[in-house]
Amino acid sequence: GKQRQLVAGITRGGSTDYADSVKGRFTISRDNAKNTVYLQMNSLKP
């Protein structure tokens, strides 16, 4: 019932930014060699 929202972003150089709602709990990373982006989510809430 809600719109899609951006929660985390990472630049090619590794700079990151987060939505306030997940800051301090989520970590985004990327492995360009493996063409993969990750999102580590801790302290999850309902």
All heavy atoms as atom14 arrays in JSON, in Angstrom:
{
  "sequence": "GKQRQLVAGITRGGSTDYADSVKGRFTISRDNAKNTVYLQMNSLKP",
  "atom14_mask": [
    [1, 1, 1, 1, 0, 0, 0, 0, 0, 0, 0, 0, 0, 0],
    [1, 1, 1, 1, 1, 1, 1, 1, 1, 0, 0, 0, 0, 0],
    [1, 1, 1, 1, 1, 1, 1, 1, 1, 0, 0, 0, 0, 0],
    [1, 1, 1, 1, 1, 1, 1, 1, 1, 1, 1, 0, 0, 0],
    [1, 1, 1, 1, 1, 1, 1, 1, 1, 0, 0, 0, 0, 0],
    [1, 1, 1, 1, 1, 1, 1, 1, 0, 0, 0, 0, 0, 0],
    [1, 1, 1, 1, 1, 1, 1, 0, 0, 0, 0, 0, 0, 0],
    [1, 1, 1, 1, 1, 0, 0, 0, 0, 0, 0, 0, 0, 0],
    [1, 1, 1, 1, 0, 0, 0, 0, 0, 0, 0, 0, 0, 0],
    [1, 1, 1, 1, 1, 1, 1, 1, 0, 0, 0, 0, 0, 0],
    [1, 1, 1, 1, 1, 1, 1, 0, 0, 0, 0, 0, 0, 0],
    [1, 1, 1, 1, 1, 1, 1, 1, 1, 1, 1, 0, 0, 0],
    [1, 1, 1, 1, 0, 0, 0, 0, 0, 0, 0, 0, 0, 0],
    [1, 1, 1, 1, 0, 0, 0, 0, 0, 0, 0, 0, 0, 0],
    [1, 1, 1, 1, 1, 1, 0, 0, 0, 0, 0, 0, 0, 0],
    [1, 1, 1, 1, 1, 1, 1, 0, 0, 0, 0, 0, 0, 0],
    [1, 1, 1, 1, 1, 1, 1, 1, 0, 0, 0, 0, 0, 0],
    [1, 1, 1, 1, 1, 1, 1, 1, 1, 1, 1, 1, 0, 0],
    [1, 1, 1, 1, 1, 0, 0, 0, 0, 0, 0, 0, 0, 0],
    [1, 1, 1, 1, 1, 1, 1, 1, 0, 0, 0, 0, 0, 0],
    [1, 1, 1, 1, 1, 1, 0, 0, 0, 0, 0, 0, 0, 0],
    [1, 1, 1, 1, 1, 1, 1, 0, 0, 0, 0, 0, 0, 0],
    [1, 1, 1, 1, 1, 1, 1, 1, 1, 0, 0, 0, 0, 0],
    [1, 1, 1, 1, 0, 0, 0, 0, 0, 0, 0, 0, 0, 0],
    [1, 1, 1, 1, 1, 1, 1, 1, 1, 1, 1, 0, 0, 0],
    [1, 1, 1, 1, 1, 1, 1, 1, 1, 1, 1, 0, 0, 0],
    [1, 1, 1, 1, 1, 1, 1, 0, 0, 0, 0, 0, 0, 0],
    [1, 1, 1, 1, 1, 1, 1, 1, 0, 0, 0, 0, 0, 0],
    [1, 1, 1, 1, 1, 1, 0, 0, 0, 0, 0, 0, 0, 0],
    [1, 1, 1, 1, 1, 1, 1, 1, 1, 1, 1, 0, 0, 0],
    [1, 1, 1, 1, 1, 1, 1, 1, 0, 0, 0, 0, 0, 0],
    [1, 1, 1, 1, 1, 1, 1, 1, 0, 0, 0, 0, 0, 0],
    [1, 1, 1, 1, 1, 0, 0, 0, 0, 0, 0, 0, 0, 0],
    [1, 1, 1, 1, 1, 1, 1, 1, 1, 0, 0, 0, 0, 0],
    [1, 1, 1, 1, 1, 1, 1, 1, 0, 0, 0, 0, 0, 0],
    [1, 1, 1, 1, 1, 1, 1, 0, 0, 0, 0, 0, 0, 0],
    [1, 1, 1, 1, 1, 1, 1, 0, 0, 0, 0, 0, 0, 0],
    [1, 1, 1, 1, 1, 1, 1, 1, 1, 1, 1, 1, 0, 0],
    [1, 1, 1, 1, 1, 1, 1, 1, 0, 0, 0, 0, 0, 0],
    [1, 1, 1, 1, 1, 1, 1, 1, 1, 0, 0, 0, 0, 0],
    [1, 1, 1, 1, 1, 1, 1, 1, 0, 0, 0, 0, 0, 0],
    [1, 1, 1, 1, 1, 1, 1, 1, 0, 0, 0, 0, 0, 0],
    [1, 1, 1, 1, 1, 1, 0, 0, 0, 0, 0, 0, 0, 0],
    [1, 1, 1, 1, 1, 1, 1, 1, 0, 0, 0, 0, 0, 0],
    [1, 1, 1, 1, 1, 1, 1, 1, 1, 0, 0, 0, 0, 0],
    [1, 1, 1, 1, 1, 1, 1, 0, 0, 0, 0, 0, 0, 0]
  ],
  "atom14_positions": [
    [[0.79, -1.23, 0.0], [0.0, 0.0, 0.0], [0.81, 1.27, 0.0], [0.26, 2.36, 0.11], [0.0, 0.0, 0.0], [0.0, 0.0, 0.0], [0.0, 0.0, 0.0], [0.0, 0.0, 0.0], [0.0, 0.0, 0.0], [0.0, 0.0, 0.0], [0.0, 0.0, 0.0], [0.0, 0.0, 0.0], [0.0, 0.0, 0.0], [0.0, 0.0, 0.0]],
    [[2.13, 1.14, -0.11], [2.99, 2.33, -0.08], [3.82, 2.43, -1.34], [3.99, 1.46, -2.07], [3.9, 2.29, 1.15], [3.15, 2.36, 2.47], [4.1, 2.52, 3.63], [3.36, 2.67, 4.94], [4.28, 2.84, 6.09], [0.0, 0.0, 0.0], [0.0, 0.0, 0.0], [0.0, 0.0, 0.0], [0.0, 0.0, 0.0], [0.0, 0.0, 0.0]],
    [[4.34, 3.62, -1.59], [5.2, 3.81, -2.75], [6.59, 3.24, -2.51], [7.05, 3.15, -1.37], [5.3, 5.31, -3.07], [4.03, 5.92, -3.64], [4.24, 7.34, -4.13], [5.06, 8.07, -3.6], [3.5, 7.72, -5.16], [0.0, 0.0, 0.0], [0.0, 0.0, 0.0], [0.0, 0.0, 0.0], [0.0, 0.0, 0.0], [0.0, 0.0, 0.0]],
    [[7.24, 2.88, -3.59], [8.61, 2.41, -3.49], [9.5, 3.58, -3.05], [9.36, 4.69, -3.52], [9.07, 1.89, -4.85], [10.32, 1.06, -4.82], [10.53, 0.36, -6.15], [9.42, -0.54, -6.45], [9.34, -1.28, -7.56], [10.31, -1.22, -8.47], [8.32, -2.06, -7.77], [0.0, 0.0, 0.0], [0.0, 0.0, 0.0], [0.0, 0.0, 0.0]],
    [[10.4, 3.29, -2.1], [11.27, 4.34, -1.59], [12.72, 3.89, -1.59], [13.01, 2.71, -1.42], [10.85, 4.74, -0.16], [10.97, 3.64, 0.86], [10.75, 4.09, 2.29], [10.65, 3.28, 3.2], [10.68, 5.38, 2.53], [0.0, 0.0, 0.0], [0.0, 0.0, 0.0], [0.0, 0.0, 0.0], [0.0, 0.0, 0.0], [0.0, 0.0, 0.0]],
    [[13.6, 4.85, -1.75], [15.03, 4.57, -1.71], [15.47, 4.5, -0.25], [15.15, 5.38, 0.54], [15.78, 5.69, -2.43], [17.3, 5.62, -2.42], [17.79, 4.43, -3.24], [17.89, 6.92, -2.97], [0.0, 0.0, 0.0], [0.0, 0.0, 0.0], [0.0, 0.0, 0.0], [0.0, 0.0, 0.0], [0.0, 0.0, 0.0], [0.0, 0.0, 0.0]],
    [[16.2, 3.45, 0.11], [16.66, 3.33, 1.49], [18.17, 3.46, 1.63], [18.66, 3.84, 2.69], [16.2, 2.02, 2.15], [14.69, 1.97, 2.26], [16.71, 0.8, 1.4], [0.0, 0.0, 0.0], [0.0, 0.0, 0.0], [0.0, 0.0, 0.0], [0.0, 0.0, 0.0], [0.0, 0.0, 0.0], [0.0, 0.0, 0.0], [0.0, 0.0, 0.0]],
    [[18.91, 3.14, 0.57], [20.37, 3.24, 0.66], [20.97, 3.37, -0.72], [20.44, 2.8, -1.68], [20.95, 2.01, 1.36], [0.0, 0.0, 0.0], [0.0, 0.0, 0.0], [0.0, 0.0, 0.0], [0.0, 0.0, 0.0], [0.0, 0.0, 0.0], [0.0, 0.0, 0.0], [0.0, 0.0, 0.0], [0.0, 0.0, 0.0], [0.0, 0.0, 0.0]],
    [[22.05, 4.11, -0.82], [22.72, 4.28, -2.1], [24.22, 4.26, -1.94], [24.74, 4.58, -0.86], [0.0, 0.0, 0.0], [0.0, 0.0, 0.0], [0.0, 0.0, 0.0], [0.0, 0.0, 0.0], [0.0, 0.0, 0.0], [0.0, 0.0, 0.0], [0.0, 0.0, 0.0], [0.0, 0.0, 0.0], [0.0, 0.0, 0.0], [0.0, 0.0, 0.0]],
    [[24.91, 3.86, -3.01], [26.37, 3.83, -2.98], [26.9, 4.22, -4.34], [26.41, 3.77, -5.38], [26.87, 2.42, -2.57], [28.4, 2.42, -2.43], [26.4, 1.34, -3.52], [28.94, 1.17, -1.73], [0.0, 0.0, 0.0], [0.0, 0.0, 0.0], [0.0, 0.0, 0.0], [0.0, 0.0, 0.0], [0.0, 0.0, 0.0], [0.0, 0.0, 0.0]],
    [[27.89, 5.1, -4.36], [28.49, 5.52, -5.61], [29.56, 4.53, -6.05], [29.97, 3.64, -5.3], [29.11, 6.91, -5.49], [30.25, 6.82, -4.6], [28.12, 7.93, -4.95], [0.0, 0.0, 0.0], [0.0, 0.0, 0.0], [0.0, 0.0, 0.0], [0.0, 0.0, 0.0], [0.0, 0.0, 0.0], [0.0, 0.0, 0.0], [0.0, 0.0, 0.0]],
    [[30.06, 4.71, -7.27], [31.11, 3.84, -7.77], [32.36, 3.94, -6.89], [33.07, 2.97, -6.7], [31.44, 4.23, -9.21], [32.39, 3.3, -9.93], [32.39, 3.6, -11.41], [32.6, 5.01, -11.7], [32.17, 5.63, -12.78], [31.46, 4.97, -13.68], [32.41, 6.9, -12.99], [0.0, 0.0, 0.0], [0.0, 0.0, 0.0], [0.0, 0.0, 0.0]],
    [[32.55, 5.1, -6.31], [33.71, 5.29, -5.45], [33.52, 4.83, -4.03], [34.47, 4.85, -3.24], [0.0, 0.0, 0.0], [0.0, 0.0, 0.0], [0.0, 0.0, 0.0], [0.0, 0.0, 0.0], [0.0, 0.0, 0.0], [0.0, 0.0, 0.0], [0.0, 0.0, 0.0], [0.0, 0.0, 0.0], [0.0, 0.0, 0.0], [0.0, 0.0, 0.0]],
    [[32.32, 4.42, -3.68], [32.08, 3.87, -2.36], [31.41, 4.8, -1.37], [31.19, 4.42, -0.22], [0.0, 0.0, 0.0], [0.0, 0.0, 0.0], [0.0, 0.0, 0.0], [0.0, 0.0, 0.0], [0.0, 0.0, 0.0], [0.0, 0.0, 0.0], [0.0, 0.0, 0.0], [0.0, 0.0, 0.0], [0.0, 0.0, 0.0], [0.0, 0.0, 0.0]],
    [[31.07, 6.0, -1.79], [30.34, 6.9, -0.89], [28.92, 6.38, -0.71], [28.3, 5.93, -1.68], [30.31, 8.31, -1.46], [31.62, 8.83, -1.54], [0.0, 0.0, 0.0], [0.0, 0.0, 0.0], [0.0, 0.0, 0.0], [0.0, 0.0, 0.0], [0.0, 0.0, 0.0], [0.0, 0.0, 0.0], [0.0, 0.0, 0.0], [0.0, 0.0, 0.0]],
    [[28.43, 6.46, 0.53], [27.11, 5.92, 0.83], [26.19, 6.96, 1.45], [26.65, 7.96, 2.0], [27.23, 4.73, 1.81], [27.86, 5.18, 3.02], [28.04, 3.59, 1.2], [0.0, 0.0, 0.0], [0.0, 0.0, 0.0], [0.0, 0.0, 0.0], [0.0, 0.0, 0.0], [0.0, 0.0, 0.0], [0.0, 0.0, 0.0], [0.0, 0.0, 0.0]],
    [[24.91, 6.7, 1.33], [23.91, 7.55, 1.96], [22.71, 6.68, 2.29], [22.47, 5.67, 1.61], [23.5, 8.69, 1.04], [22.83, 9.82, 1.81], [22.85, 9.79, 3.06], [22.27, 10.73, 1.16], [0.0, 0.0, 0.0], [0.0, 0.0, 0.0], [0.0, 0.0, 0.0], [0.0, 0.0, 0.0], [0.0, 0.0, 0.0], [0.0, 0.0, 0.0]],
    [[21.99, 7.08, 3.32], [20.89, 6.26, 3.82], [19.67, 7.1, 4.17], [19.8, 8.27, 4.55], [21.33, 5.5, 5.09], [22.51, 4.6, 4.88], [23.8, 5.06, 5.07], [22.33, 3.28, 4.46], [24.9, 4.23, 4.86], [23.41, 2.44, 4.26], [24.69, 2.93, 4.45], [25.77, 2.1, 4.23], [0.0, 0.0, 0.0], [0.0, 0.0, 0.0]],
    [[18.51, 6.49, 4.04], [17.31, 7.12, 4.55], [17.42, 7.19, 6.07], [18.02, 6.32, 6.7], [16.09, 6.32, 4.14], [0.0, 0.0, 0.0], [0.0, 0.0, 0.0], [0.0, 0.0, 0.0], [0.0, 0.0, 0.0], [0.0, 0.0, 0.0], [0.0, 0.0, 0.0], [0.0, 0.0, 0.0], [0.0, 0.0, 0.0], [0.0, 0.0, 0.0]],
    [[16.82, 8.22, 6.64], [16.9, 8.39, 8.09], [16.37, 7.17, 8.83], [16.86, 6.83, 9.91], [16.12, 9.63, 8.51], [16.83, 10.93, 8.12], [18.04, 10.88, 7.82], [16.17, 11.98, 8.11], [0.0, 0.0, 0.0], [0.0, 0.0, 0.0], [0.0, 0.0, 0.0], [0.0, 0.0, 0.0], [0.0, 0.0, 0.0], [0.0, 0.0, 0.0]],
    [[15.37, 6.52, 8.26], [14.71, 5.41, 8.94], [15.62, 4.19, 9.1], [15.35, 3.31, 9.92], [13.45, 5.0, 8.2], [13.75, 4.64, 6.86], [0.0, 0.0, 0.0], [0.0, 0.0, 0.0], [0.0, 0.0, 0.0], [0.0, 0.0, 0.0], [0.0, 0.0, 0.0], [0.0, 0.0, 0.0], [0.0, 0.0, 0.0], [0.0, 0.0, 0.0]],
    [[16.69, 4.1, 8.31], [17.57, 2.93, 8.37], [19.0, 3.28, 8.76], [19.84, 2.39, 8.95], [17.59, 2.16, 7.03], [16.18, 1.81, 6.59], [18.32, 2.94, 5.95], [0.0, 0.0, 0.0], [0.0, 0.0, 0.0], [0.0, 0.0, 0.0], [0.0, 0.0, 0.0], [0.0, 0.0, 0.0], [0.0, 0.0, 0.0], [0.0, 0.0, 0.0]],
    [[19.27, 4.56, 8.9], [20.63, 5.0, 9.2], [21.11, 4.39, 10.51], [20.38, 4.38, 11.51], [20.66, 6.53, 9.27], [22.02, 7.15, 9.09], [21.9, 8.66, 8.91], [21.27, 9.03, 7.6], [21.24, 10.49, 7.35], [0.0, 0.0, 0.0], [0.0, 0.0, 0.0], [0.0, 0.0, 0.0], [0.0, 0.0, 0.0], [0.0, 0.0, 0.0]],
    [[22.32, 3.85, 10.52], [22.87, 3.21, 11.7], [22.52, 1.75, 11.82], [23.09, 1.04, 12.66], [0.0, 0.0, 0.0], [0.0, 0.0, 0.0], [0.0, 0.0, 0.0], [0.0, 0.0, 0.0], [0.0, 0.0, 0.0], [0.0, 0.0, 0.0], [0.0, 0.0, 0.0], [0.0, 0.0, 0.0], [0.0, 0.0, 0.0], [0.0, 0.0, 0.0]],
    [[21.59, 1.26, 11.01], [21.17, -0.15, 11.07], [21.49, -0.9, 9.78], [21.78, -2.09, 9.82], [19.67, -0.24, 11.33], [19.22, 0.41, 12.62], [17.76, 0.11, 12.92], [16.86, 0.67, 11.91], [16.02, -0.07, 11.18], [15.96, -1.37, 11.35], [15.22, 0.52, 10.29], [0.0, 0.0, 0.0], [0.0, 0.0, 0.0], [0.0, 0.0, 0.0]],
    [[21.43, -0.21, 8.64], [21.68, -0.84, 7.34], [23.03, -0.38, 6.81], [23.44, 0.76, 7.01], [20.6, -0.46, 6.34], [19.23, -1.05, 6.59], [18.93, -1.72, 7.77], [18.25, -0.96, 5.62], [17.68, -2.26, 8.0], [16.98, -1.5, 5.83], [16.7, -2.15, 7.02], [0.0, 0.0, 0.0], [0.0, 0.0, 0.0], [0.0, 0.0, 0.0]],
    [[23.69, -1.27, 6.07], [24.94, -0.93, 5.41], [24.91, -1.44, 3.98], [24.71, -2.64, 3.75], [26.14, -1.56, 6.14], [26.16, -1.12, 7.51], [27.45, -1.15, 5.48], [0.0, 0.0, 0.0], [0.0, 0.0, 0.0], [0.0, 0.0, 0.0], [0.0, 0.0, 0.0], [0.0, 0.0, 0.0], [0.0, 0.0, 0.0], [0.0, 0.0, 0.0]],
    [[25.13, -0.54, 3.04], [25.18, -0.92, 1.63], [26.63, -1.04, 1.19], [27.5, -0.29, 1.65], [24.43, 0.11, 0.75], [24.32, -0.37, -0.69], [25.08, 1.49, 0.84], [23.42, 0.5, -1.56], [0.0, 0.0, 0.0], [0.0, 0.0, 0.0], [0.0, 0.0, 0.0], [0.0, 0.0, 0.0], [0.0, 0.0, 0.0], [0.0, 0.0, 0.0]],
    [[26.9, -2.01, 0.32], [28.24, -2.17, -0.22], [28.12, -2.7, -1.64], [27.06, -3.18, -2.05], [29.08, -3.11, 0.64], [28.48, -4.39, 0.72], [0.0, 0.0, 0.0], [0.0, 0.0, 0.0], [0.0, 0.0, 0.0], [0.0, 0.0, 0.0], [0.0, 0.0, 0.0], [0.0, 0.0, 0.0], [0.0, 0.0, 0.0], [0.0, 0.0, 0.0]],
    [[29.2, -2.59, -2.39], [29.18, -3.09, -3.77], [30.51, -3.74, -4.09], [31.56, -3.31, -3.61], [28.85, -1.99, -4.77], [29.87, -0.89, -4.88], [29.35, 0.3, -5.71], [29.33, 0.04, -7.13], [28.8, 0.87, -8.03], [28.24, 2.0, -7.64], [28.83, 0.58, -9.33], [0.0, 0.0, 0.0], [0.0, 0.0, 0.0], [0.0, 0.0, 0.0]],
    [[30.45, -4.78, -4.88], [31.64, -5.47, -5.38], [31.58, -5.39, -6.89], [30.89, -6.19, -7.54], [31.66, -6.92, -4.88], [32.95, -7.63, -5.23], [33.6, -7.27, -6.24], [33.31, -8.57, -4.5], [0.0, 0.0, 0.0], [0.0, 0.0, 0.0], [0.0, 0.0, 0.0], [0.0, 0.0, 0.0], [0.0, 0.0, 0.0], [0.0, 0.0, 0.0]],
    [[32.28, -4.43, -7.47], [32.21, -4.23, -8.91], [32.76, -5.43, -9.67], [32.3, -5.75, -10.76], [32.97, -2.96, -9.31], [32.28, -1.71, -8.82], [31.05, -1.66, -8.74], [33.05, -0.69, -8.49], [0.0, 0.0, 0.0], [0.0, 0.0, 0.0], [0.0, 0.0, 0.0], [0.0, 0.0, 0.0], [0.0, 0.0, 0.0], [0.0, 0.0, 0.0]],
    [[33.73, -6.11, -9.11], [34.32, -7.28, -9.78], [33.31, -8.41, -9.89], [33.33, -9.19, -10.85], [35.56, -7.75, -9.04], [0.0, 0.0, 0.0], [0.0, 0.0, 0.0], [0.0, 0.0, 0.0], [0.0, 0.0, 0.0], [0.0, 0.0, 0.0], [0.0, 0.0, 0.0], [0.0, 0.0, 0.0], [0.0, 0.0, 0.0], [0.0, 0.0, 0.0]],
    [[32.41, -8.5, -8.91], [31.39, -9.55, -8.92], [30.05, -9.03, -9.42], [29.07, -9.78, -9.43], [31.21, -10.13, -7.51], [32.43, -10.87, -6.99], [32.16, -11.47, -5.62], [33.37, -12.27, -5.12], [33.12, -12.85, -3.77], [0.0, 0.0, 0.0], [0.0, 0.0, 0.0], [0.0, 0.0, 0.0], [0.0, 0.0, 0.0], [0.0, 0.0, 0.0]],
    [[30.01, -7.76, -9.78], [28.76, -7.15, -10.26], [27.61, -7.38, -9.28], [26.5, -7.76, -9.66], [28.39, -7.69, -11.65], [29.42, -7.32, -12.69], [29.91, -6.19, -12.71], [29.78, -8.27, -13.53], [0.0, 0.0, 0.0], [0.0, 0.0, 0.0], [0.0, 0.0, 0.0], [0.0, 0.0, 0.0], [0.0, 0.0, 0.0], [0.0, 0.0, 0.0]],
    [[27.9, -7.15, -8.01], [26.94, -7.43, -6.96], [26.89, -6.27, -5.97], [27.93, -5.68, -5.64], [27.3, -8.73, -6.22], [27.36, -9.8, -7.17], [26.26, -9.07, -5.16], [0.0, 0.0, 0.0], [0.0, 0.0, 0.0], [0.0, 0.0, 0.0], [0.0, 0.0, 0.0], [0.0, 0.0, 0.0], [0.0, 0.0, 0.0], [0.0, 0.0, 0.0]],
    [[25.68, -5.98, -5.52], [25.46, -4.97, -4.49], [24.81, -5.66, -3.3], [23.95, -6.53, -3.49], [24.55, -3.83, -5.01], [24.39, -2.76, -3.95], [25.13, -3.24, -6.29], [0.0, 0.0, 0.0], [0.0, 0.0, 0.0], [0.0, 0.0, 0.0], [0.0, 0.0, 0.0], [0.0, 0.0, 0.0], [0.0, 0.0, 0.0], [0.0, 0.0, 0.0]],
    [[25.22, -5.29, -2.11], [24.73, -5.94, -0.9], [24.02, -4.92, 0.0], [24.3, -3.73, -0.05], [25.88, -6.56, -0.12], [26.71, -7.54, -0.9], [27.9, -7.16, -1.52], [26.3, -8.87, -1.05], [28.66, -8.05, -2.25], [27.06, -9.78, -1.78], [28.24, -9.35, -2.37], [28.98, -10.25, -3.1], [0.0, 0.0, 0.0], [0.0, 0.0, 0.0]],
    [[23.15, -5.45, 0.85], [22.54, -4.63, 1.89], [22.53, -5.46, 3.17], [21.78, -6.43, 3.27], [21.12, -4.2, 1.51], [20.48, -3.21, 2.49], [21.21, -1.87, 2.46], [19.0, -3.01, 2.18], [0.0, 0.0, 0.0], [0.0, 0.0, 0.0], [0.0, 0.0, 0.0], [0.0, 0.0, 0.0], [0.0, 0.0, 0.0], [0.0, 0.0, 0.0]],
    [[23.37, -5.07, 4.1], [23.37, -5.71, 5.42], [22.38, -4.98, 6.29], [22.49, -3.76, 6.48], [24.78, -5.65, 6.04], [24.86, -6.23, 7.44], [24.63, -7.73, 7.47], [25.17, -8.46, 6.63], [23.85, -8.2, 8.43], [0.0, 0.0, 0.0], [0.0, 0.0, 0.0], [0.0, 0.0, 0.0], [0.0, 0.0, 0.0], [0.0, 0.0, 0.0]],
    [[21.41, -5.72, 6.82], [20.35, -5.13, 7.62], [20.41, -5.71, 9.03], [20.24, -6.92, 9.21], [18.99, -5.4, 6.99], [18.9, -4.96, 5.52], [17.24, -5.1, 4.86], [16.99, -6.87, 4.97], [0.0, 0.0, 0.0], [0.0, 0.0, 0.0], [0.0, 0.0, 0.0], [0.0, 0.0, 0.0], [0.0, 0.0, 0.0], [0.0, 0.0, 0.0]],
    [[20.66, -4.86, 9.99], [20.72, -5.26, 11.39], [19.62, -4.57, 12.19], [19.03, -3.59, 11.72], [22.08, -4.9, 11.98], [23.23, -5.59, 11.29], [23.1, -6.71, 10.81], [24.38, -4.92, 11.23], [0.0, 0.0, 0.0], [0.0, 0.0, 0.0], [0.0, 0.0, 0.0], [0.0, 0.0, 0.0], [0.0, 0.0, 0.0], [0.0, 0.0, 0.0]],
    [[19.36, -5.09, 13.37], [18.36, -4.5, 14.26], [17.04, -4.25, 13.52], [16.45, -3.18, 13.6], [18.88, -3.18, 14.85], [20.09, -3.39, 15.55], [0.0, 0.0, 0.0], [0.0, 0.0, 0.0], [0.0, 0.0, 0.0], [0.0, 0.0, 0.0], [0.0, 0.0, 0.0], [0.0, 0.0, 0.0], [0.0, 0.0, 0.0], [0.0, 0.0, 0.0]],
    [[16.6, -5.27, 12.82], [15.41, -5.12, 12.0], [14.17, -4.85, 12.85], [14.04, -5.36, 13.98], [15.21, -6.36, 11.14], [16.14, -6.42, 9.91], [16.25, -7.83, 9.37], [15.66, -5.46, 8.84], [0.0, 0.0, 0.0], [0.0, 0.0, 0.0], [0.0, 0.0, 0.0], [0.0, 0.0, 0.0], [0.0, 0.0, 0.0], [0.0, 0.0, 0.0]],
    [[13.28, -4.06, 12.26], [12.03, -3.68, 12.92], [10.85, -4.13, 12.06], [11.0, -4.28, 10.84], [11.97, -2.17, 13.09], [13.13, -1.56, 13.85], [13.03, -0.05, 13.87], [14.19, 0.58, 14.62], [14.1, 2.07, 14.66], [0.0, 0.0, 0.0], [0.0, 0.0, 0.0], [0.0, 0.0, 0.0], [0.0, 0.0, 0.0], [0.0, 0.0, 0.0]],
    [[9.69, -4.32, 12.65], [8.52, -4.71, 11.84], [8.24, -3.74, 10.7], [7.8, -4.17, 9.62], [7.39, -4.71, 12.87], [8.06, -5.06, 14.16], [9.39, -4.37, 14.09], [0.0, 0.0, 0.0], [0.0, 0.0, 0.0], [0.0, 0.0, 0.0], [0.0, 0.0, 0.0], [0.0, 0.0, 0.0], [0.0, 0.0, 0.0], [0.0, 0.0, 0.0]]
  ]
}
